[in-house]
């Protein structure tokens, strides 16, 4: 969390703005979210003292968090049409491709794959942090890429 606070603070300074208590509280609530979130889902959790944060301030600060690269907007939104956001660091999952033919494994990360997994989790009401995706595929006829040797010319 400390890293995100420092990044947002530095971004705000570059924009000529301050890292206020309201912005800190919004960032804290965003960082505690698990999976996709909307402004509406955050609003009840953002309180400073005895008062809440107004909706306009929340939307302005979500826009700043997006510009700072601390959150990403999902292209499809939520079922009500509201903008839906995710924390990019939490969706940078590792996936493994497994070839049953040669028993090789290849790890990879892919933002589009992450978005597809999150979309499926929302659609089927699953917790995105508990999903296990298994991908098996055989190599093309040319064989395993690591087995190919380039011939000198």
N, C-alpha and C. Protein backbone atom coordinates (compact mmCIF):
# COMPACT_ATOMS: atom_id res chain seq x y z
N UNK A 1 0.81 -1.20 0.00
CA UNK A 1 0.00 0.00 0.00
C UNK A 1 0.85 1.27 0.00
N UNK A 2 1.99 1.18 0.67
CA UNK A 2 2.85 2.35 0.76
C UNK A 2 3.31 2.80 -0.63
N UNK A 3 3.64 1.83 -1.47
CA UNK A 3 4.11 2.16 -2.83
C UNK A 3 3.05 2.91 -3.62
N UNK A 4 1.79 2.44 -3.53
CA UNK A 4 0.69 3.09 -4.25
C UNK A 4 0.47 4.52 -3.74
N UNK A 5 0.59 4.71 -2.41
CA UNK A 5 0.44 6.06 -1.86
C UNK A 5 1.53 6.98 -2.40
N UNK A 6 2.76 6.47 -2.44
CA UNK A 6 3.86 7.29 -2.95
C UNK A 6 3.68 7.61 -4.43
N UNK A 7 3.25 6.62 -5.21
CA UNK A 7 3.02 6.85 -6.64
C UNK A 7 1.93 7.90 -6.87
N UNK A 8 0.81 7.76 -6.13
CA UNK A 8 -0.30 8.70 -6.29
C UNK A 8 0.11 10.10 -5.83
N UNK A 9 0.84 10.17 -4.73
CA UNK A 9 1.30 11.46 -4.22
C UNK A 9 2.19 12.15 -5.26
N UNK A 10 3.14 11.42 -5.82
CA UNK A 10 4.04 11.98 -6.85
C UNK A 10 3.25 12.43 -8.08
N UNK A 11 2.27 11.62 -8.48
CA UNK A 11 1.45 11.98 -9.64
C UNK A 11 0.69 13.28 -9.37
N UNK A 12 0.10 13.40 -8.18
CA UNK A 12 -0.67 14.60 -7.84
C UNK A 12 0.21 15.84 -7.82
N UNK A 13 1.43 15.70 -7.31
CA UNK A 13 2.36 16.83 -7.30
C UNK A 13 2.63 17.29 -8.73
N UNK A 14 2.85 16.33 -9.64
CA UNK A 14 3.08 16.66 -11.05
C UNK A 14 1.88 17.39 -11.65
N UNK A 15 0.69 17.07 -11.16
CA UNK A 15 -0.54 17.69 -11.66
C UNK A 15 -0.85 19.01 -10.94
N UNK A 16 -0.01 19.37 -9.99
CA UNK A 16 -0.23 20.59 -9.22
C UNK A 16 -1.34 20.45 -8.20
N UNK A 17 -1.57 19.22 -7.72
CA UNK A 17 -2.63 18.97 -6.75
C UNK A 17 -2.04 18.39 -5.47
N UNK A 18 -2.89 18.36 -4.43
CA UNK A 18 -2.44 17.87 -3.13
C UNK A 18 -2.98 16.47 -2.84
N UNK A 19 -2.25 15.75 -2.00
CA UNK A 19 -2.67 14.42 -1.55
C UNK A 19 -3.45 14.62 -0.25
N UNK A 20 -4.73 14.91 -0.38
CA UNK A 20 -5.57 15.26 0.77
C UNK A 20 -6.02 14.01 1.52
N UNK A 21 -6.64 14.23 2.68
CA UNK A 21 -7.18 13.12 3.48
C UNK A 21 -8.26 12.37 2.70
N UNK A 22 -9.05 13.10 1.92
CA UNK A 22 -10.10 12.46 1.11
C UNK A 22 -9.47 11.56 0.06
N UNK A 23 -8.45 12.04 -0.62
CA UNK A 23 -7.77 11.23 -1.64
C UNK A 23 -7.11 10.01 -1.02
N UNK A 24 -6.51 10.19 0.14
CA UNK A 24 -5.88 9.06 0.82
C UNK A 24 -6.92 8.02 1.19
N UNK A 25 -8.07 8.44 1.70
CA UNK A 25 -9.11 7.50 2.10
C UNK A 25 -9.67 6.77 0.87
N UNK A 26 -9.88 7.48 -0.22
CA UNK A 26 -10.37 6.84 -1.46
C UNK A 26 -9.37 5.79 -1.92
N UNK A 27 -8.09 6.15 -1.93
CA UNK A 27 -7.06 5.20 -2.35
C UNK A 27 -7.03 3.99 -1.42
N UNK A 28 -7.13 4.20 -0.11
CA UNK A 28 -7.14 3.09 0.84
C UNK A 28 -8.29 2.12 0.56
N UNK A 29 -9.48 2.67 0.33
CA UNK A 29 -10.65 1.82 0.07
C UNK A 29 -10.49 1.08 -1.25
N UNK A 30 -9.97 1.76 -2.27
CA UNK A 30 -9.73 1.12 -3.57
C UNK A 30 -8.75 -0.04 -3.41
N UNK A 31 -7.67 0.18 -2.67
CA UNK A 31 -6.65 -0.85 -2.50
C UNK A 31 -7.15 -2.05 -1.70
N UNK A 32 -8.18 -1.87 -0.91
CA UNK A 32 -8.74 -2.97 -0.13
C UNK A 32 -9.77 -3.77 -0.91
N UNK A 33 -10.15 -3.28 -2.08
CA UNK A 33 -11.16 -3.98 -2.87
C UNK A 33 -10.58 -5.27 -3.44
N UNK A 34 -11.43 -6.27 -3.53
CA UNK A 34 -11.00 -7.54 -4.13
C UNK A 34 -11.83 -7.73 -5.39
N UNK A 35 -11.18 -7.68 -6.50
CA UNK A 35 -11.89 -7.83 -7.77
C UNK A 35 -12.41 -6.50 -8.28
N UNK A 36 -13.22 -6.55 -9.33
CA UNK A 36 -13.74 -5.33 -9.95
C UNK A 36 -14.62 -4.53 -8.99
N UNK A 37 -14.61 -3.19 -9.17
CA UNK A 37 -15.42 -2.32 -8.32
C UNK A 37 -15.95 -1.15 -9.13
N UNK A 38 -17.02 -0.56 -8.66
CA UNK A 38 -17.60 0.64 -9.26
C UNK A 38 -17.55 1.76 -8.22
N UNK A 39 -17.76 2.99 -8.67
CA UNK A 39 -17.81 4.11 -7.73
C UNK A 39 -18.93 3.88 -6.72
N UNK A 40 -20.06 3.40 -7.20
CA UNK A 40 -21.21 3.16 -6.33
C UNK A 40 -20.88 2.13 -5.24
N UNK A 41 -20.11 1.10 -5.59
CA UNK A 41 -19.76 0.08 -4.59
C UNK A 41 -18.78 0.61 -3.55
N UNK A 42 -18.00 1.64 -3.89
CA UNK A 42 -17.02 2.21 -2.96
C UNK A 42 -17.64 3.25 -2.03
N UNK A 43 -18.63 3.96 -2.53
CA UNK A 43 -19.18 5.12 -1.83
C UNK A 43 -19.52 4.86 -0.35
N UNK A 44 -20.20 3.77 0.00
CA UNK A 44 -20.55 3.56 1.42
C UNK A 44 -19.33 3.33 2.32
N UNK A 45 -18.18 2.99 1.76
CA UNK A 45 -17.00 2.67 2.56
C UNK A 45 -16.06 3.86 2.75
N UNK A 46 -16.35 4.96 2.10
CA UNK A 46 -15.45 6.12 2.17
C UNK A 46 -16.05 7.16 3.10
N UNK A 47 -15.50 7.21 4.31
CA UNK A 47 -15.97 8.14 5.32
C UNK A 47 -14.75 8.86 5.92
N UNK A 48 -14.89 10.16 6.08
CA UNK A 48 -13.87 10.95 6.75
C UNK A 48 -14.56 11.54 7.98
N UNK A 49 -14.15 11.08 9.15
CA UNK A 49 -14.84 11.51 10.37
C UNK A 49 -16.27 10.97 10.35
N UNK A 50 -17.23 11.86 10.54
CA UNK A 50 -18.64 11.46 10.55
C UNK A 50 -19.32 11.65 9.20
N UNK A 51 -18.59 12.15 8.22
CA UNK A 51 -19.25 12.41 6.94
C UNK A 51 -18.63 11.57 5.82
N UNK A 52 -19.45 11.33 4.81
CA UNK A 52 -18.99 10.59 3.65
C UNK A 52 -18.40 11.54 2.62
N UNK A 53 -17.90 10.96 1.56
CA UNK A 53 -17.34 11.73 0.45
C UNK A 53 -18.44 11.87 -0.60
N UNK A 54 -18.57 13.06 -1.17
CA UNK A 54 -19.62 13.22 -2.18
C UNK A 54 -19.25 12.49 -3.46
N UNK A 55 -20.26 12.11 -4.20
CA UNK A 55 -20.10 11.31 -5.42
C UNK A 55 -19.19 11.98 -6.44
N UNK A 56 -19.33 13.30 -6.61
CA UNK A 56 -18.52 14.02 -7.60
C UNK A 56 -17.03 13.93 -7.26
N UNK A 57 -16.69 14.06 -5.98
CA UNK A 57 -15.28 13.94 -5.55
C UNK A 57 -14.76 12.54 -5.83
N UNK A 58 -15.59 11.55 -5.56
CA UNK A 58 -15.17 10.18 -5.81
C UNK A 58 -14.88 9.96 -7.29
N UNK A 59 -15.79 10.41 -8.17
CA UNK A 59 -15.58 10.23 -9.61
C UNK A 59 -14.33 10.98 -10.08
N UNK A 60 -14.12 12.20 -9.60
CA UNK A 60 -12.92 12.95 -9.99
C UNK A 60 -11.65 12.21 -9.56
N UNK A 61 -11.67 11.65 -8.36
CA UNK A 61 -10.48 10.96 -7.86
C UNK A 61 -10.27 9.61 -8.52
N UNK A 62 -11.33 8.92 -8.91
CA UNK A 62 -11.17 7.69 -9.68
C UNK A 62 -10.53 7.99 -11.02
N UNK A 63 -10.92 9.12 -11.61
CA UNK A 63 -10.31 9.54 -12.88
C UNK A 63 -8.81 9.80 -12.68
N UNK A 64 -8.45 10.45 -11.58
CA UNK A 64 -7.03 10.71 -11.29
C UNK A 64 -6.27 9.41 -11.04
N UNK A 65 -6.89 8.48 -10.31
CA UNK A 65 -6.24 7.18 -10.07
C UNK A 65 -6.01 6.43 -11.39
N UNK A 66 -6.97 6.55 -12.30
CA UNK A 66 -6.82 5.92 -13.61
C UNK A 66 -5.69 6.58 -14.39
N UNK A 67 -5.64 7.92 -14.38
CA UNK A 67 -4.57 8.64 -15.08
C UNK A 67 -3.20 8.32 -14.49
N UNK A 68 -3.17 8.06 -13.19
CA UNK A 68 -1.90 7.73 -12.52
C UNK A 68 -1.49 6.28 -12.77
N UNK A 69 -2.37 5.49 -13.38
CA UNK A 69 -2.07 4.09 -13.67
C UNK A 69 -2.28 3.16 -12.49
N UNK A 70 -2.97 3.63 -11.46
CA UNK A 70 -3.19 2.80 -10.27
C UNK A 70 -4.44 1.94 -10.38
N UNK A 71 -5.36 2.32 -11.26
CA UNK A 71 -6.53 1.50 -11.55
C UNK A 71 -6.73 1.48 -13.05
N UNK A 72 -7.45 0.48 -13.52
CA UNK A 72 -7.80 0.38 -14.94
C UNK A 72 -9.31 0.26 -15.06
N UNK A 73 -9.84 0.82 -16.13
CA UNK A 73 -11.26 0.71 -16.39
C UNK A 73 -11.52 -0.51 -17.28
N UNK A 74 -12.45 -1.35 -16.87
CA UNK A 74 -12.81 -2.50 -17.69
C UNK A 74 -13.68 -2.03 -18.85
N UNK A 75 -13.43 -2.50 -20.06
CA UNK A 75 -14.16 -2.00 -21.22
C UNK A 75 -15.66 -2.28 -21.18
N UNK A 76 -16.07 -3.40 -20.58
CA UNK A 76 -17.50 -3.75 -20.62
C UNK A 76 -18.32 -3.16 -19.49
N UNK A 77 -17.72 -2.57 -18.47
CA UNK A 77 -18.47 -2.01 -17.36
C UNK A 77 -19.18 -3.09 -16.57
N UNK A 78 -20.09 -2.68 -15.68
CA UNK A 78 -20.85 -3.67 -14.92
C UNK A 78 -22.23 -3.82 -15.55
N UNK A 79 -23.06 -4.77 -15.09
CA UNK A 79 -24.36 -5.01 -15.72
C UNK A 79 -25.27 -3.79 -15.77
N UNK A 80 -25.14 -2.86 -14.83
CA UNK A 80 -25.98 -1.66 -14.84
C UNK A 80 -25.47 -0.60 -15.81
N UNK A 81 -24.30 -0.84 -16.41
CA UNK A 81 -23.72 0.13 -17.34
C UNK A 81 -22.74 1.08 -16.67
N UNK A 82 -22.57 0.96 -15.36
CA UNK A 82 -21.64 1.84 -14.65
C UNK A 82 -20.20 1.46 -14.98
N UNK A 83 -19.31 2.45 -14.90
CA UNK A 83 -17.89 2.18 -15.12
C UNK A 83 -17.40 1.23 -14.05
N UNK A 84 -16.61 0.27 -14.48
CA UNK A 84 -16.09 -0.75 -13.58
C UNK A 84 -14.56 -0.70 -13.65
N UNK A 85 -13.91 -0.78 -12.49
CA UNK A 85 -12.46 -0.65 -12.41
C UNK A 85 -11.83 -1.87 -11.76
N UNK A 86 -10.54 -2.04 -12.00
CA UNK A 86 -9.76 -3.09 -11.35
C UNK A 86 -8.41 -2.52 -10.96
N UNK A 87 -7.74 -3.21 -10.06
CA UNK A 87 -6.36 -2.87 -9.71
C UNK A 87 -5.45 -3.70 -10.61
N UNK A 88 -4.66 -3.07 -11.46
CA UNK A 88 -3.82 -3.85 -12.39
C UNK A 88 -2.84 -4.78 -11.71
N UNK A 89 -2.30 -4.40 -10.57
CA UNK A 89 -1.33 -5.27 -9.90
C UNK A 89 -1.97 -6.54 -9.39
N UNK A 90 -3.26 -6.48 -9.08
CA UNK A 90 -3.93 -7.67 -8.57
C UNK A 90 -4.36 -8.60 -9.68
N UNK A 91 -4.44 -8.12 -10.89
CA UNK A 91 -4.87 -8.99 -11.97
C UNK A 91 -3.70 -9.49 -12.80
N UNK A 92 -2.49 -9.11 -12.43
CA UNK A 92 -1.32 -9.59 -13.15
C UNK A 92 -1.00 -11.01 -12.76
N UNK A 93 -1.94 -11.89 -12.94
CA UNK A 93 -1.77 -13.29 -12.55
C UNK A 93 -0.83 -14.00 -13.51
N UNK A 94 -0.25 -15.07 -13.03
CA UNK A 94 0.57 -15.94 -13.88
C UNK A 94 -0.29 -17.13 -14.29
N UNK A 95 -0.16 -17.51 -15.53
CA UNK A 95 -0.86 -18.67 -16.06
C UNK A 95 0.17 -19.65 -16.58
N UNK A 96 -0.21 -20.91 -16.70
CA UNK A 96 0.70 -21.93 -17.17
C UNK A 96 0.06 -22.67 -18.33
N UNK A 97 0.78 -22.74 -19.43
CA UNK A 97 0.38 -23.58 -20.57
C UNK A 97 1.12 -24.90 -20.41
N UNK A 98 0.41 -25.99 -20.58
CA UNK A 98 1.01 -27.31 -20.40
C UNK A 98 0.84 -28.12 -21.68
N UNK A 99 1.92 -28.72 -22.16
CA UNK A 99 1.86 -29.61 -23.33
C UNK A 99 1.91 -31.04 -22.83
N UNK A 100 0.80 -31.81 -22.98
CA UNK A 100 0.82 -33.20 -22.52
C UNK A 100 1.72 -34.10 -23.37
N UNK A 101 2.06 -33.65 -24.57
CA UNK A 101 2.92 -34.45 -25.45
C UNK A 101 4.36 -34.50 -24.95
N UNK A 102 4.95 -33.34 -24.67
CA UNK A 102 6.35 -33.31 -24.22
C UNK A 102 6.47 -32.94 -22.74
N UNK A 103 5.35 -32.72 -22.08
CA UNK A 103 5.30 -32.40 -20.65
C UNK A 103 6.01 -31.09 -20.30
N UNK A 104 6.07 -30.18 -21.24
CA UNK A 104 6.68 -28.89 -20.95
C UNK A 104 5.62 -27.92 -20.43
N UNK A 105 6.08 -26.96 -19.67
CA UNK A 105 5.21 -25.92 -19.13
C UNK A 105 5.79 -24.57 -19.49
N UNK A 106 4.91 -23.63 -19.79
CA UNK A 106 5.34 -22.27 -20.12
C UNK A 106 4.48 -21.30 -19.32
N UNK A 107 5.11 -20.51 -18.45
CA UNK A 107 4.39 -19.50 -17.68
C UNK A 107 4.21 -18.24 -18.50
N UNK A 108 3.08 -17.56 -18.29
CA UNK A 108 2.85 -16.30 -18.98
C UNK A 108 1.89 -15.45 -18.18
N UNK A 109 1.91 -14.15 -18.44
CA UNK A 109 0.94 -13.18 -17.92
C UNK A 109 0.33 -12.50 -19.12
N UNK A 110 -0.94 -12.16 -19.02
CA UNK A 110 -1.59 -11.50 -20.15
C UNK A 110 -2.79 -10.71 -19.64
N UNK A 111 -2.77 -9.39 -19.84
CA UNK A 111 -3.86 -8.52 -19.37
C UNK A 111 -5.20 -8.87 -20.01
N UNK A 112 -5.21 -9.18 -21.31
CA UNK A 112 -6.48 -9.53 -21.96
C UNK A 112 -7.05 -10.83 -21.39
N UNK A 113 -6.18 -11.78 -21.08
CA UNK A 113 -6.63 -13.02 -20.47
C UNK A 113 -7.18 -12.73 -19.07
N UNK A 114 -6.50 -11.84 -18.34
CA UNK A 114 -6.98 -11.43 -17.02
C UNK A 114 -8.39 -10.84 -17.12
N UNK A 115 -8.60 -9.96 -18.09
CA UNK A 115 -9.92 -9.34 -18.25
C UNK A 115 -10.98 -10.39 -18.59
N UNK A 116 -10.62 -11.36 -19.42
CA UNK A 116 -11.57 -12.42 -19.77
C UNK A 116 -11.93 -13.25 -18.53
N UNK A 117 -10.94 -13.56 -17.70
CA UNK A 117 -11.19 -14.32 -16.47
C UNK A 117 -12.10 -13.52 -15.54
N UNK A 118 -11.82 -12.22 -15.38
CA UNK A 118 -12.66 -11.38 -14.52
C UNK A 118 -14.08 -11.28 -15.05
N UNK A 119 -14.21 -11.18 -16.37
CA UNK A 119 -15.54 -11.12 -16.99
C UNK A 119 -16.32 -12.41 -16.69
N UNK A 120 -15.67 -13.55 -16.84
CA UNK A 120 -16.32 -14.83 -16.54
C UNK A 120 -16.68 -14.94 -15.06
N UNK A 121 -15.81 -14.44 -14.20
CA UNK A 121 -16.11 -14.49 -12.76
C UNK A 121 -17.35 -13.66 -12.43
N UNK A 122 -17.46 -12.48 -13.02
CA UNK A 122 -18.66 -11.67 -12.78
C UNK A 122 -19.89 -12.36 -13.34
N UNK A 123 -19.76 -12.91 -14.53
CA UNK A 123 -20.90 -13.56 -15.19
C UNK A 123 -21.42 -14.75 -14.39
N UNK A 124 -20.52 -15.54 -13.82
CA UNK A 124 -20.92 -16.74 -13.09
C UNK A 124 -20.83 -16.57 -11.57
N UNK A 125 -20.67 -15.33 -11.11
CA UNK A 125 -20.65 -14.99 -9.69
C UNK A 125 -19.58 -15.79 -8.93
N UNK A 126 -18.35 -15.73 -9.45
CA UNK A 126 -17.22 -16.43 -8.84
C UNK A 126 -16.25 -15.42 -8.23
N UNK A 127 -15.52 -15.86 -7.22
CA UNK A 127 -14.49 -15.03 -6.61
C UNK A 127 -13.25 -15.11 -7.51
N UNK A 128 -12.82 -13.98 -8.10
CA UNK A 128 -11.67 -14.03 -9.02
C UNK A 128 -10.37 -14.45 -8.37
N UNK A 129 -10.26 -14.30 -7.05
CA UNK A 129 -9.02 -14.69 -6.36
C UNK A 129 -8.94 -16.19 -6.12
N UNK A 130 -10.04 -16.92 -6.38
CA UNK A 130 -10.03 -18.37 -6.12
C UNK A 130 -10.07 -19.20 -7.41
N UNK A 131 -9.93 -18.54 -8.55
CA UNK A 131 -10.06 -19.24 -9.83
C UNK A 131 -8.75 -19.92 -10.22
N UNK A 132 -8.86 -21.13 -10.69
CA UNK A 132 -7.72 -21.86 -11.24
C UNK A 132 -8.06 -22.15 -12.70
N UNK A 133 -7.22 -21.67 -13.60
CA UNK A 133 -7.43 -21.88 -15.03
C UNK A 133 -6.37 -22.84 -15.52
N UNK A 134 -6.80 -23.92 -16.15
CA UNK A 134 -5.87 -24.91 -16.68
C UNK A 134 -5.97 -24.89 -18.20
N UNK A 135 -4.84 -24.69 -18.85
CA UNK A 135 -4.80 -24.67 -20.31
C UNK A 135 -3.82 -25.74 -20.76
N UNK A 136 -4.33 -26.71 -21.53
CA UNK A 136 -3.47 -27.74 -22.11
C UNK A 136 -3.53 -27.63 -23.62
N UNK A 137 -2.40 -27.72 -24.24
CA UNK A 137 -2.34 -27.66 -25.70
C UNK A 137 -1.07 -28.35 -26.17
N UNK A 138 -1.19 -29.10 -27.25
CA UNK A 138 -0.01 -29.75 -27.84
C UNK A 138 0.69 -28.77 -28.77
N UNK A 139 1.99 -28.92 -28.87
CA UNK A 139 2.76 -28.08 -29.78
C UNK A 139 2.39 -28.38 -31.22
N UNK A 140 2.64 -27.44 -32.08
CA UNK A 140 2.44 -27.66 -33.51
C UNK A 140 3.41 -28.72 -34.00
N UNK A 141 3.21 -29.20 -35.19
CA UNK A 141 4.05 -30.28 -35.75
C UNK A 141 5.54 -29.98 -35.71
N UNK A 142 5.89 -28.72 -35.78
CA UNK A 142 7.30 -28.34 -35.81
C UNK A 142 8.02 -28.69 -34.51
N UNK A 143 7.29 -29.06 -33.50
CA UNK A 143 7.92 -29.44 -32.23
C UNK A 143 8.00 -28.29 -31.26
N UNK A 144 8.60 -28.56 -30.16
CA UNK A 144 8.76 -27.58 -29.09
C UNK A 144 9.70 -26.48 -29.55
N UNK A 145 9.34 -25.20 -29.34
CA UNK A 145 10.19 -24.10 -29.79
C UNK A 145 11.62 -24.18 -29.24
N UNK A 146 11.80 -24.67 -28.05
CA UNK A 146 13.14 -24.75 -27.45
C UNK A 146 13.98 -25.84 -28.12
N UNK A 147 13.33 -26.81 -28.76
CA UNK A 147 14.06 -27.90 -29.41
C UNK A 147 14.62 -27.49 -30.76
N UNK A 148 14.08 -26.44 -31.33
CA UNK A 148 14.56 -25.98 -32.64
C UNK A 148 15.92 -25.34 -32.49
N UNK A 149 16.82 -25.71 -33.36
CA UNK A 149 18.12 -25.07 -33.39
C UNK A 149 18.25 -24.38 -34.73
N UNK A 150 18.77 -23.18 -34.67
CA UNK A 150 18.98 -22.47 -35.92
C UNK A 150 20.24 -22.99 -36.59
N UNK A 151 20.12 -23.20 -37.89
CA UNK A 151 21.28 -23.68 -38.64
C UNK A 151 22.09 -22.49 -39.11
N UNK A 152 23.41 -22.55 -38.94
CA UNK A 152 24.24 -21.43 -39.38
C UNK A 152 24.25 -21.35 -40.92
N UNK A 153 24.28 -20.14 -41.40
CA UNK A 153 24.27 -19.95 -42.86
C UNK A 153 25.60 -19.57 -43.40
